[in-house]
Amino acid sequence: MARAVKRESARRRRTGEIRPARRPKPELAELRYRRMADLLAVLGDEIDRVREAELDLVERARLLGYLVGVASRLIEGADLELRLAEVERTLAELGVGNGQSH
């Protein structure tokens, strides 16, 4: 089974059905994302590019579906990140968690 999958993958690569993996853009290599909102901004730009790209309808729909799914998880994560920061701020104001006891 694994041999057949490997053989089919090699055949598809030779015929051009599989595109080689893209290397990261040099301008993105230096970026460091510190918050979910940073990633969401980049993802929003990529969604815009897919919407403007000259792709067939099926390919565009597939890519947009995937990116929107990722974006929804990032939005949820960004919300949790903000809520956690608020809890940490409240605990710090109360003096909890920094070695002090009540």
Protein backbone atom coordinates (compact mmCIF):
# COMPACT_ATOMS: atom_id res chain seq x y z
CA MET A 1 0.00 0.00 0.00
CA ALA A 2 2.71 2.53 1.01
CA ARG A 3 4.69 1.66 -2.11
CA ALA A 4 1.67 2.34 -4.31
CA VAL A 5 1.07 5.69 -2.65
CA LYS A 6 4.73 6.63 -3.07
CA ARG A 7 4.68 5.56 -6.73
CA GLU A 8 1.49 7.57 -7.41
CA SER A 9 2.97 10.62 -5.69
CA ALA A 10 6.13 10.38 -7.80
CA ARG A 11 4.03 10.02 -10.97
CA ARG A 12 1.95 13.10 -10.08
CA ARG A 13 5.10 15.10 -9.32
CA ARG A 14 6.64 14.14 -12.68
CA THR A 15 3.50 15.10 -14.60
CA GLY A 16 3.22 18.42 -12.79
CA GLU A 17 0.02 17.57 -10.94
CA ILE A 18 1.75 18.33 -7.63
CA ARG A 19 3.45 21.65 -7.22
CA PRO A 20 6.68 21.62 -5.21
CA ALA A 21 6.52 23.14 -1.74
CA ARG A 22 7.08 26.88 -1.78
CA ARG A 23 9.89 28.38 0.23
CA PRO A 24 8.94 31.16 2.64
CA LYS A 25 9.19 34.64 1.21
CA PRO A 26 12.45 36.31 2.32
CA GLU A 27 10.58 39.38 3.56
CA LEU A 28 8.52 37.17 5.90
CA ALA A 29 11.51 35.26 7.29
CA GLU A 30 12.37 38.05 9.72
CA LEU A 31 8.87 38.55 11.06
CA ARG A 32 8.11 37.33 14.53
CA TYR A 33 4.49 37.06 15.52
CA ARG A 34 3.83 37.82 19.14
CA ARG A 35 0.04 37.77 19.16
CA MET A 36 -2.74 35.93 17.38
CA ALA A 37 -3.92 39.28 15.99
CA ASP A 38 -0.59 39.60 14.13
CA LEU A 39 -1.17 36.26 12.42
CA LEU A 40 -4.77 37.16 11.67
CA ALA A 41 -3.63 40.32 9.85
CA VAL A 42 -1.27 38.30 7.65
CA LEU A 43 -3.98 35.73 7.00
CA GLY A 44 -6.40 38.50 6.00
CA ASP A 45 -3.91 39.70 3.40
CA GLU A 46 -3.56 36.18 2.03
CA ILE A 47 -7.35 35.78 1.82
CA ASP A 48 -7.50 39.01 -0.19
CA ARG A 49 -4.80 37.68 -2.55
CA VAL A 50 -6.70 34.45 -3.12
CA ARG A 51 -9.90 36.37 -3.82
CA GLU A 52 -8.09 38.49 -6.43
CA ALA A 53 -6.07 35.64 -7.96
CA GLU A 54 -6.96 34.23 -11.34
CA LEU A 55 -7.82 30.72 -10.22
CA ASP A 56 -10.55 28.40 -11.33
CA LEU A 57 -13.65 28.47 -9.17
CA VAL A 58 -13.01 25.14 -7.45
CA GLU A 59 -9.42 25.97 -6.52
CA ARG A 60 -10.41 29.42 -5.22
CA ALA A 61 -13.26 27.93 -3.17
CA ARG A 62 -10.99 25.25 -1.71
CA LEU A 63 -8.31 27.77 -0.71
CA LEU A 64 -10.82 30.25 0.71
CA GLY A 65 -12.55 27.51 2.69
CA TYR A 66 -9.26 26.43 4.21
CA LEU A 67 -8.10 29.98 4.99
CA VAL A 68 -11.45 30.99 6.48
CA GLY A 69 -11.33 27.90 8.72
CA VAL A 70 -7.86 28.88 9.93
CA ALA A 71 -8.99 32.48 10.40
CA SER A 72 -11.94 31.41 12.54
CA ARG A 73 -9.61 29.45 14.83
CA LEU A 74 -7.27 32.45 15.03
CA ILE A 75 -10.16 34.75 15.92
CA GLU A 76 -11.17 32.39 18.69
CA GLY A 77 -7.56 32.21 19.88
CA ALA A 78 -7.18 35.99 19.79
CA ASP A 79 -10.32 36.33 21.91
CA LEU A 80 -8.96 33.83 24.43
CA GLU A 81 -5.62 35.63 24.41
CA LEU A 82 -7.32 38.94 25.31
CA ARG A 83 -9.43 37.31 28.01
CA LEU A 84 -6.40 35.61 29.55
CA ALA A 85 -4.48 38.90 29.56
CA GLU A 86 -7.40 40.52 31.41
CA VAL A 87 -7.45 37.70 34.00
CA GLU A 88 -3.68 38.02 34.49
CA ARG A 89 -4.01 41.80 34.88
CA THR A 90 -6.77 41.36 37.47
CA LEU A 91 -4.75 38.78 39.39
CA ALA A 92 -1.71 41.07 39.34
CA GLU A 93 -3.82 43.91 40.75
CA LEU A 94 -4.97 41.59 43.52
CA GLY A 95 -1.38 40.48 44.18
CA VAL A 96 -2.15 36.86 43.35
CA GLY A 97 0.48 34.77 41.61
CA ASN A 98 3.54 36.89 42.30
CA GLY A 99 4.63 35.19 45.49
CA GLN A 100 2.36 37.12 47.84
CA SER A 101 -0.26 35.27 49.83
CA HIS A 102 -3.47 36.46 51.43
